[in-house]
Amino acid sequence: ALARPVRYALSLVLDPRREDYRGEVAIDVDVPAATRAVVLHARGLTIGTTTVTVGERTFPAATSTRRAVGGREADEELVLLTREPIPAGRARLVIPFTAPFAADLRGAFRVHVGDDWYAFSDFEPTDARRAFPCFDEPSFKVPVEVSITAPTGMTALANMPERAHEDVADGV
């Protein structure tokens, strides 16, 4: 049995004038049986220092990528490996990352119109893994909370109502 996502908290720092962006995703997962490995999806992302938290304990997870079974293109699976087993139950994976905006219209990409740059996302099946580490399977429909930091003067839009808005000094 494999770990299953329960909830995502995705934090993105986006400036479409740049060629890349950064973020961090915290994924609450249900772990059905003790394991040292959790496999999820990531394609073309640079992964930072990743942690797994269970209750009050937080420990590092080594990361590596691999090609999916039957995969013919780039590595699309992200493997988190811990020294000691993650016990059965609820755990939180925290994965910082950086990623280039895609050159095509898949995942997170940017468009230049006149003097302005715009960033967009398009998550057709298996494209979310190009934008952030995730369990990119259609059967995993779970709540996702998204926080976006954008430069002053730019507007961030989403397909859900905004819960809060705060103007802060540029963190980009």
N, C-alpha and C. Protein backbone atom coordinates (compact mmCIF):
# COMPACT_ATOMS: atom_id res chain seq x y z
N ALA A 1 0.84 -1.19 0.00
CA ALA A 1 0.00 0.00 0.00
C ALA A 1 0.88 1.24 0.00
N LEU A 2 0.40 2.27 -0.65
CA LEU A 2 1.19 3.48 -0.82
C LEU A 2 0.61 4.64 -0.03
N ALA A 3 1.47 5.61 0.30
CA ALA A 3 1.01 6.83 0.97
C ALA A 3 0.01 7.54 0.07
N ARG A 4 -1.02 8.12 0.69
CA ARG A 4 -2.05 8.84 -0.06
C ARG A 4 -2.16 10.26 0.48
N PRO A 5 -2.24 11.25 -0.40
CA PRO A 5 -2.36 12.63 0.07
C PRO A 5 -3.73 12.88 0.69
N VAL A 6 -3.75 13.76 1.69
CA VAL A 6 -4.97 14.15 2.36
C VAL A 6 -5.21 15.66 2.16
N ARG A 7 -4.12 16.44 2.14
CA ARG A 7 -4.23 17.89 2.03
C ARG A 7 -2.89 18.46 1.57
N TYR A 8 -2.97 19.53 0.77
CA TYR A 8 -1.78 20.26 0.31
C TYR A 8 -1.83 21.69 0.82
N ALA A 9 -0.66 22.23 1.17
CA ALA A 9 -0.48 23.65 1.41
C ALA A 9 0.68 24.05 0.50
N LEU A 10 0.36 24.77 -0.56
CA LEU A 10 1.35 25.14 -1.58
C LEU A 10 1.63 26.62 -1.48
N SER A 11 2.89 26.97 -1.32
CA SER A 11 3.32 28.37 -1.25
C SER A 11 4.24 28.64 -2.44
N LEU A 12 3.88 29.64 -3.26
CA LEU A 12 4.65 29.95 -4.46
C LEU A 12 5.14 31.39 -4.43
N VAL A 13 6.36 31.60 -4.91
CA VAL A 13 6.91 32.94 -5.12
C VAL A 13 7.07 33.09 -6.62
N LEU A 14 6.19 33.90 -7.22
CA LEU A 14 6.11 34.00 -8.68
C LEU A 14 6.43 35.41 -9.14
N ASP A 15 7.31 35.51 -10.10
CA ASP A 15 7.58 36.76 -10.81
C ASP A 15 7.74 36.36 -12.28
N PRO A 16 6.71 36.59 -13.09
CA PRO A 16 6.77 36.13 -14.48
C PRO A 16 7.87 36.80 -15.31
N ARG A 17 8.49 37.83 -14.78
CA ARG A 17 9.62 38.45 -15.50
C ARG A 17 10.87 37.59 -15.40
N ARG A 18 10.89 36.66 -14.44
CA ARG A 18 12.02 35.74 -14.25
C ARG A 18 11.77 34.46 -15.04
N GLU A 19 12.82 33.69 -15.31
CA GLU A 19 12.69 32.43 -16.03
C GLU A 19 12.29 31.27 -15.13
N ASP A 20 12.36 31.48 -13.81
CA ASP A 20 12.02 30.41 -12.88
C ASP A 20 11.23 30.97 -11.71
N TYR A 21 10.78 30.08 -10.86
CA TYR A 21 10.04 30.45 -9.66
C TYR A 21 10.42 29.47 -8.56
N ARG A 22 9.99 29.77 -7.35
CA ARG A 22 10.29 28.88 -6.24
C ARG A 22 9.04 28.67 -5.38
N GLY A 23 9.10 27.63 -4.58
CA GLY A 23 7.96 27.36 -3.73
C GLY A 23 8.27 26.30 -2.70
N GLU A 24 7.25 26.01 -1.92
CA GLU A 24 7.34 24.94 -0.94
C GLU A 24 5.95 24.31 -0.86
N VAL A 25 5.92 22.99 -0.82
CA VAL A 25 4.64 22.30 -0.67
C VAL A 25 4.72 21.45 0.59
N ALA A 26 3.67 21.56 1.40
CA ALA A 26 3.51 20.70 2.57
C ALA A 26 2.34 19.78 2.23
N ILE A 27 2.59 18.49 2.26
CA ILE A 27 1.56 17.51 1.90
C ILE A 27 1.29 16.62 3.11
N ASP A 28 0.07 16.67 3.61
CA ASP A 28 -0.34 15.73 4.65
C ASP A 28 -0.72 14.44 3.96
N VAL A 29 -0.15 13.34 4.44
CA VAL A 29 -0.40 12.04 3.82
C VAL A 29 -0.83 11.03 4.87
N ASP A 30 -1.58 10.04 4.43
CA ASP A 30 -1.88 8.86 5.24
C ASP A 30 -0.92 7.78 4.81
N VAL A 31 -0.19 7.22 5.76
CA VAL A 31 0.76 6.14 5.49
C VAL A 31 0.13 4.85 6.03
N PRO A 32 -0.22 3.90 5.14
CA PRO A 32 -0.95 2.70 5.58
C PRO A 32 -0.11 1.71 6.38
N ALA A 33 1.20 1.70 6.14
CA ALA A 33 2.09 0.78 6.86
C ALA A 33 3.46 1.45 6.94
N ALA A 34 4.20 1.14 8.00
CA ALA A 34 5.52 1.74 8.18
C ALA A 34 6.35 1.55 6.91
N THR A 35 7.08 2.61 6.53
CA THR A 35 7.88 2.57 5.32
C THR A 35 9.02 3.58 5.43
N ARG A 36 10.08 3.34 4.71
CA ARG A 36 11.18 4.30 4.62
C ARG A 36 11.09 5.12 3.34
N ALA A 37 10.21 4.76 2.42
CA ALA A 37 10.15 5.42 1.12
C ALA A 37 8.73 5.90 0.81
N VAL A 38 8.65 7.11 0.28
CA VAL A 38 7.38 7.65 -0.24
C VAL A 38 7.67 8.09 -1.67
N VAL A 39 6.82 7.68 -2.60
CA VAL A 39 7.01 8.02 -4.01
C VAL A 39 5.86 8.92 -4.45
N LEU A 40 6.22 10.06 -5.01
CA LEU A 40 5.24 10.97 -5.58
C LEU A 40 5.77 11.44 -6.93
N HIS A 41 5.27 12.55 -7.45
CA HIS A 41 5.65 12.99 -8.79
C HIS A 41 6.34 14.35 -8.78
N ALA A 42 7.31 14.50 -9.65
CA ALA A 42 7.99 15.77 -9.90
C ALA A 42 8.73 15.62 -11.23
N ARG A 43 8.61 16.62 -12.08
CA ARG A 43 9.30 16.55 -13.36
C ARG A 43 9.96 17.89 -13.66
N GLY A 44 11.28 17.88 -13.79
CA GLY A 44 12.02 19.09 -14.13
C GLY A 44 12.16 20.08 -13.00
N LEU A 45 11.97 19.63 -11.76
CA LEU A 45 12.05 20.50 -10.60
C LEU A 45 13.38 20.29 -9.88
N THR A 46 13.88 21.32 -9.23
CA THR A 46 15.05 21.18 -8.36
C THR A 46 14.51 21.13 -6.93
N ILE A 47 14.79 20.03 -6.24
CA ILE A 47 14.23 19.79 -4.91
C ILE A 47 15.23 20.22 -3.85
N GLY A 48 14.74 20.94 -2.84
CA GLY A 48 15.58 21.38 -1.72
C GLY A 48 15.54 20.37 -0.58
N THR A 49 16.01 20.80 0.60
CA THR A 49 16.06 19.93 1.77
C THR A 49 14.65 19.58 2.22
N THR A 50 14.33 18.31 2.14
CA THR A 50 12.99 17.80 2.39
C THR A 50 12.90 17.17 3.77
N THR A 51 11.75 17.37 4.44
CA THR A 51 11.56 16.77 5.76
C THR A 51 10.24 16.02 5.81
N VAL A 52 10.20 15.09 6.76
CA VAL A 52 8.97 14.34 7.07
C VAL A 52 8.71 14.57 8.55
N THR A 53 7.49 14.97 8.88
CA THR A 53 7.11 15.19 10.27
C THR A 53 6.00 14.23 10.64
N VAL A 54 6.20 13.55 11.77
CA VAL A 54 5.20 12.66 12.33
C VAL A 54 5.06 13.07 13.79
N GLY A 55 3.89 13.59 14.14
CA GLY A 55 3.70 14.09 15.51
C GLY A 55 4.69 15.19 15.81
N GLU A 56 5.46 15.02 16.86
CA GLU A 56 6.46 16.02 17.27
C GLU A 56 7.83 15.78 16.64
N ARG A 57 7.99 14.70 15.90
CA ARG A 57 9.29 14.34 15.33
C ARG A 57 9.39 14.78 13.87
N THR A 58 10.50 15.45 13.55
CA THR A 58 10.79 15.84 12.17
C THR A 58 12.14 15.26 11.81
N PHE A 59 12.21 14.61 10.67
CA PHE A 59 13.50 14.06 10.24
C PHE A 59 13.68 14.29 8.75
N PRO A 60 14.96 14.36 8.32
CA PRO A 60 15.25 14.63 6.90
C PRO A 60 14.92 13.44 6.02
N ALA A 61 14.65 13.75 4.77
CA ALA A 61 14.42 12.71 3.77
C ALA A 61 15.34 12.98 2.59
N ALA A 62 16.11 11.99 2.20
CA ALA A 62 16.93 12.10 1.00
C ALA A 62 15.98 12.02 -0.20
N THR A 63 16.31 12.75 -1.26
CA THR A 63 15.44 12.73 -2.44
C THR A 63 16.22 12.27 -3.67
N SER A 64 15.50 11.58 -4.53
CA SER A 64 16.05 11.20 -5.82
C SER A 64 14.90 11.11 -6.81
N THR A 65 15.23 11.16 -8.08
CA THR A 65 14.20 11.02 -9.10
C THR A 65 14.45 9.74 -9.89
N ARG A 66 13.39 9.27 -10.51
CA ARG A 66 13.51 8.07 -11.33
C ARG A 66 12.43 8.11 -12.41
N ARG A 67 12.65 7.34 -13.42
CA ARG A 67 11.68 7.21 -14.51
C ARG A 67 10.55 6.30 -14.04
N ALA A 68 9.34 6.65 -14.36
CA ALA A 68 8.19 5.82 -14.00
C ALA A 68 8.22 4.52 -14.79
N VAL A 69 7.61 3.49 -14.25
CA VAL A 69 7.51 2.22 -14.96
C VAL A 69 6.83 2.48 -16.30
N GLY A 70 7.47 2.09 -17.37
CA GLY A 70 6.93 2.32 -18.71
C GLY A 70 7.20 3.71 -19.24
N GLY A 71 7.84 4.56 -18.43
CA GLY A 71 8.13 5.92 -18.86
C GLY A 71 9.20 5.94 -19.94
N ARG A 72 9.02 6.82 -20.92
CA ARG A 72 9.98 6.90 -22.02
C ARG A 72 10.66 8.25 -22.09
N GLU A 73 10.19 9.19 -21.29
CA GLU A 73 10.75 10.55 -21.35
C GLU A 73 11.62 10.80 -20.13
N ALA A 74 11.44 11.95 -19.53
CA ALA A 74 12.24 12.36 -18.37
C ALA A 74 11.79 11.65 -17.10
N ASP A 75 12.64 11.73 -16.06
CA ASP A 75 12.25 11.23 -14.75
C ASP A 75 11.01 11.99 -14.28
N GLU A 76 10.03 11.27 -13.77
CA GLU A 76 8.79 11.90 -13.31
C GLU A 76 8.40 11.49 -11.90
N GLU A 77 9.16 10.58 -11.29
CA GLU A 77 8.86 10.18 -9.92
C GLU A 77 9.91 10.73 -8.98
N LEU A 78 9.44 11.22 -7.85
CA LEU A 78 10.30 11.74 -6.79
C LEU A 78 10.22 10.76 -5.63
N VAL A 79 11.37 10.24 -5.22
CA VAL A 79 11.42 9.28 -4.12
C VAL A 79 12.00 9.97 -2.89
N LEU A 80 11.24 9.93 -1.79
CA LEU A 80 11.72 10.42 -0.50
C LEU A 80 12.12 9.21 0.32
N LEU A 81 13.35 9.21 0.81
CA LEU A 81 13.86 8.06 1.56
C LEU A 81 14.34 8.53 2.92
N THR A 82 13.82 7.91 3.98
CA THR A 82 14.21 8.27 5.34
C THR A 82 15.08 7.18 5.95
N ARG A 83 15.91 7.56 6.91
CA ARG A 83 16.78 6.58 7.57
C ARG A 83 15.99 5.61 8.43
N GLU A 84 15.00 6.15 9.14
CA GLU A 84 14.16 5.28 9.96
C GLU A 84 12.76 5.25 9.37
N PRO A 85 12.04 4.20 9.60
CA PRO A 85 10.71 4.08 9.00
C PRO A 85 9.74 5.18 9.46
N ILE A 86 8.93 5.62 8.52
CA ILE A 86 7.82 6.51 8.83
C ILE A 86 6.71 5.58 9.34
N PRO A 87 6.22 5.80 10.56
CA PRO A 87 5.19 4.88 11.07
C PRO A 87 3.87 5.04 10.33
N ALA A 88 3.05 4.02 10.42
CA ALA A 88 1.70 4.09 9.84
C ALA A 88 0.94 5.23 10.50
N GLY A 89 0.09 5.88 9.73
CA GLY A 89 -0.69 7.00 10.26
C GLY A 89 -0.47 8.25 9.44
N ARG A 90 -0.66 9.38 10.06
CA ARG A 90 -0.56 10.68 9.37
C ARG A 90 0.88 11.20 9.44
N ALA A 91 1.36 11.74 8.33
CA ALA A 91 2.68 12.36 8.27
C ALA A 91 2.57 13.60 7.39
N ARG A 92 3.52 14.51 7.55
CA ARG A 92 3.57 15.71 6.71
C ARG A 92 4.91 15.75 5.99
N LEU A 93 4.84 15.83 4.66
CA LEU A 93 6.02 15.98 3.82
C LEU A 93 6.17 17.46 3.51
N VAL A 94 7.36 18.01 3.71
CA VAL A 94 7.61 19.41 3.37
C VAL A 94 8.74 19.44 2.35
N ILE A 95 8.42 19.94 1.16
CA ILE A 95 9.35 19.86 0.03
C ILE A 95 9.53 21.24 -0.60
N PRO A 96 10.68 21.89 -0.36
CA PRO A 96 10.96 23.14 -1.08
C PRO A 96 11.48 22.82 -2.47
N PHE A 97 11.23 23.72 -3.42
CA PHE A 97 11.65 23.45 -4.80
C PHE A 97 11.81 24.75 -5.57
N THR A 98 12.53 24.65 -6.67
CA THR A 98 12.57 25.70 -7.69
C THR A 98 12.26 25.03 -9.02
N ALA A 99 11.75 25.83 -9.95
CA ALA A 99 11.38 25.26 -11.24
C ALA A 99 11.45 26.33 -12.31
N PRO A 100 11.80 25.94 -13.51
CA PRO A 100 11.72 26.90 -14.62
C PRO A 100 10.27 27.02 -15.07
N PHE A 101 9.89 28.20 -15.53
CA PHE A 101 8.61 28.29 -16.21
C PHE A 101 8.75 27.47 -17.49
N ALA A 102 7.74 26.69 -17.83
CA ALA A 102 7.80 25.80 -18.98
C ALA A 102 7.84 26.59 -20.28
N ALA A 103 8.54 26.03 -21.25
CA ALA A 103 8.62 26.65 -22.59
C ALA A 103 7.35 26.37 -23.38
N ASP A 104 6.65 25.28 -23.02
CA ASP A 104 5.38 24.97 -23.69
C ASP A 104 4.23 25.40 -22.76
N LEU A 105 3.04 25.07 -23.09
CA LEU A 105 1.88 25.51 -22.32
C LEU A 105 1.42 24.43 -21.34
N ARG A 106 2.37 23.81 -20.63
CA ARG A 106 2.06 22.72 -19.70
C ARG A 106 2.63 23.05 -18.33
N GLY A 107 1.89 22.72 -17.28
CA GLY A 107 2.37 23.01 -15.94
C GLY A 107 2.29 24.50 -15.67
N ALA A 108 3.39 25.09 -15.20
CA ALA A 108 3.47 26.54 -14.98
C ALA A 108 4.30 27.14 -16.12
N PHE A 109 3.76 28.14 -16.80
CA PHE A 109 4.45 28.74 -17.93
C PHE A 109 4.23 30.24 -17.92
N ARG A 110 4.99 30.94 -18.74
CA ARG A 110 4.84 32.40 -18.81
C ARG A 110 4.71 32.83 -20.25
N VAL A 111 4.06 34.00 -20.41
CA VAL A 111 3.80 34.54 -21.74
C VAL A 111 4.20 36.01 -21.73
N HIS A 112 4.83 36.44 -22.81
CA HIS A 112 5.26 37.83 -22.96
C HIS A 112 4.33 38.51 -23.96
N VAL A 113 3.65 39.57 -23.54
CA VAL A 113 2.75 40.33 -24.40
C VAL A 113 3.15 41.80 -24.29
N GLY A 114 3.64 42.35 -25.40
CA GLY A 114 4.13 43.74 -25.35
C GLY A 114 5.29 43.86 -24.39
N ASP A 115 5.16 44.75 -23.41
CA ASP A 115 6.20 44.92 -22.40
C ASP A 115 5.92 44.11 -21.13
N ASP A 116 4.83 43.37 -21.11
CA ASP A 116 4.41 42.70 -19.89
C ASP A 116 4.60 41.18 -19.96
N TRP A 117 4.86 40.60 -18.80
CA TRP A 117 4.95 39.15 -18.63
C TRP A 117 3.79 38.67 -17.78
N TYR A 118 3.28 37.50 -18.12
CA TYR A 118 2.19 36.88 -17.37
C TYR A 118 2.56 35.43 -17.09
N ALA A 119 2.18 34.93 -15.91
CA ALA A 119 2.40 33.52 -15.57
C ALA A 119 1.04 32.83 -15.50
N PHE A 120 0.99 31.60 -16.00
CA PHE A 120 -0.24 30.81 -16.02
C PHE A 120 0.07 29.38 -15.58
N SER A 121 -0.98 28.63 -15.31
CA SER A 121 -0.82 27.19 -15.09
C SER A 121 -1.88 26.47 -15.90
N ASP A 122 -1.52 25.27 -16.34
CA ASP A 122 -2.45 24.40 -17.04
C ASP A 122 -2.13 22.98 -16.61
N PHE A 123 -3.05 22.37 -15.91
CA PHE A 123 -2.81 21.05 -15.34
C PHE A 123 -3.67 20.00 -16.01
N GLU A 124 -3.39 19.76 -17.28
CA GLU A 124 -3.99 18.60 -17.94
C GLU A 124 -3.46 17.37 -17.20
N PRO A 125 -4.01 16.19 -17.43
CA PRO A 125 -3.52 15.01 -16.71
C PRO A 125 -1.99 14.89 -16.79
N THR A 126 -1.39 14.70 -15.66
CA THR A 126 0.05 14.54 -15.42
C THR A 126 0.87 15.81 -15.65
N ASP A 127 0.26 16.99 -15.70
CA ASP A 127 1.03 18.23 -15.86
C ASP A 127 1.30 18.95 -14.55
N ALA A 128 0.58 18.65 -13.48
CA ALA A 128 0.84 19.31 -12.19
C ALA A 128 2.26 19.00 -11.72
N ARG A 129 2.75 17.81 -11.99
CA ARG A 129 4.10 17.42 -11.56
C ARG A 129 5.18 18.29 -12.17
N ARG A 130 4.87 19.01 -13.23
CA ARG A 130 5.82 19.94 -13.85
C ARG A 130 5.88 21.26 -13.10
N ALA A 131 4.89 21.52 -12.23
CA ALA A 131 4.80 22.80 -11.53
C ALA A 131 5.21 22.70 -10.06
N PHE A 132 4.93 21.56 -9.42
CA PHE A 132 5.30 21.38 -8.01
C PHE A 132 5.26 19.89 -7.67
N PRO A 133 6.01 19.47 -6.63
CA PRO A 133 5.98 18.07 -6.24
C PRO A 133 4.58 17.71 -5.73
N CYS A 134 4.03 16.58 -6.21
CA CYS A 134 2.66 16.23 -5.85
C CYS A 134 2.39 14.76 -6.17
N PHE A 135 1.24 14.29 -5.72
CA PHE A 135 0.73 12.99 -6.13
C PHE A 135 -0.17 13.27 -7.32
N ASP A 136 0.39 13.23 -8.51
CA ASP A 136 -0.28 13.68 -9.74
C ASP A 136 -1.08 12.54 -10.35
N GLU A 137 -2.12 12.14 -9.66
CA GLU A 137 -3.01 11.06 -10.10
C GLU A 137 -4.44 11.58 -10.04
N PRO A 138 -5.23 11.37 -11.09
CA PRO A 138 -6.61 11.86 -11.10
C PRO A 138 -7.47 11.38 -9.93
N SER A 139 -7.15 10.23 -9.36
CA SER A 139 -7.97 9.69 -8.27
C SER A 139 -7.73 10.41 -6.94
N PHE A 140 -6.68 11.22 -6.84
CA PHE A 140 -6.36 11.92 -5.59
C PHE A 140 -6.91 13.33 -5.63
N LYS A 141 -8.17 13.48 -5.32
CA LYS A 141 -8.81 14.79 -5.26
C LYS A 141 -8.85 15.21 -3.79
N VAL A 142 -7.96 16.11 -3.40
CA VAL A 142 -7.89 16.54 -2.00
C VAL A 142 -7.81 18.06 -1.94
N PRO A 143 -8.12 18.66 -0.79
CA PRO A 143 -8.04 20.12 -0.66
C PRO A 143 -6.61 20.63 -0.88
N VAL A 144 -6.52 21.76 -1.57
CA VAL A 144 -5.24 22.41 -1.82
C VAL A 144 -5.38 23.88 -1.43
N GLU A 145 -4.55 24.31 -0.50
CA GLU A 145 -4.51 25.72 -0.12
C GLU A 145 -3.29 26.31 -0.82
N VAL A 146 -3.48 27.40 -1.57
CA VAL A 146 -2.40 28.01 -2.34
C VAL A 146 -2.14 29.41 -1.83
N SER A 147 -0.88 29.71 -1.59
CA SER A 147 -0.44 31.04 -1.20
C SER A 147 0.54 31.53 -2.26
N ILE A 148 0.30 32.72 -2.80
CA ILE A 148 1.15 33.26 -3.85
C ILE A 148 1.76 34.57 -3.40
N THR A 149 3.08 34.69 -3.54
CA THR A 149 3.77 35.95 -3.33
C THR A 149 4.18 36.45 -4.70
N ALA A 150 3.74 37.66 -5.05
CA ALA A 150 4.02 38.24 -6.36
C ALA A 150 4.55 39.65 -6.15
N PRO A 151 5.28 40.18 -7.14
CA PRO A 151 5.81 41.54 -7.01
C PRO A 151 4.70 42.58 -6.86
N THR A 152 5.02 43.66 -6.17
CA THR A 152 4.09 44.77 -6.04
C THR A 152 3.66 45.24 -7.42
N GLY A 153 2.37 45.48 -7.56
CA GLY A 153 1.83 45.95 -8.84
C GLY A 153 1.32 44.83 -9.72
N MET A 154 1.62 43.58 -9.38
CA MET A 154 1.10 42.44 -10.14
C MET A 154 -0.09 41.85 -9.40
N THR A 155 -0.98 41.22 -10.13
CA THR A 155 -2.18 40.62 -9.56
C THR A 155 -2.14 39.12 -9.74
N ALA A 156 -2.48 38.39 -8.67
CA ALA A 156 -2.57 36.93 -8.73
C ALA A 156 -4.05 36.55 -8.73
N LEU A 157 -4.44 35.70 -9.66
CA LEU A 157 -5.82 35.24 -9.78
C LEU A 157 -5.86 33.72 -9.66
N ALA A 158 -6.98 33.21 -9.18
CA ALA A 158 -7.15 31.76 -9.05
C ALA A 158 -8.58 31.39 -9.40
N ASN A 159 -8.84 30.10 -9.48
CA ASN A 159 -10.19 29.66 -9.82
C ASN A 159 -11.06 29.42 -8.58
N MET A 160 -10.60 29.88 -7.44
CA MET A 160 -11.36 29.80 -6.20
C MET A 160 -11.34 31.17 -5.53
N PRO A 161 -12.31 31.46 -4.66
CA PRO A 161 -12.33 32.77 -3.99
C PRO A 161 -11.09 32.99 -3.14
N GLU A 162 -10.65 34.23 -3.09
CA GLU A 162 -9.51 34.61 -2.27
C GLU A 162 -9.92 34.61 -0.80
N ARG A 163 -9.11 33.97 0.05
CA ARG A 163 -9.40 33.93 1.49
C ARG A 163 -8.78 35.10 2.22
N ALA A 164 -7.62 35.56 1.73
CA ALA A 164 -6.93 36.68 2.39
C ALA A 164 -6.00 37.32 1.38
N HIS A 165 -5.70 38.59 1.61
CA HIS A 165 -4.77 39.34 0.76
C HIS A 165 -3.96 40.25 1.67
N GLU A 166 -2.66 40.27 1.43
CA GLU A 166 -1.80 41.11 2.25
C GLU A 166 -0.74 41.74 1.37
N ASP A 167 -0.62 43.07 1.46
CA ASP A 167 0.45 43.77 0.74
C ASP A 167 1.67 43.80 1.63
N VAL A 168 2.78 43.28 1.12
CA VAL A 168 4.04 43.24 1.88
C VAL A 168 5.15 43.72 0.96
N ALA A 169 6.30 43.99 1.53
CA ALA A 169 7.45 44.35 0.72
C ALA A 169 7.76 43.18 -0.22
N ASP A 170 8.26 43.48 -1.41
CA ASP A 170 8.56 42.43 -2.39
C ASP A 170 9.41 41.33 -1.77
N GLY A 171 8.92 40.13 -1.85
CA GLY A 171 9.67 38.98 -1.36
C GLY A 171 10.17 38.15 -2.51
N VAL A 172 10.12 38.71 -3.71
CA VAL A 172 10.45 37.93 -4.89
C VAL A 172 11.89 38.05 -5.24
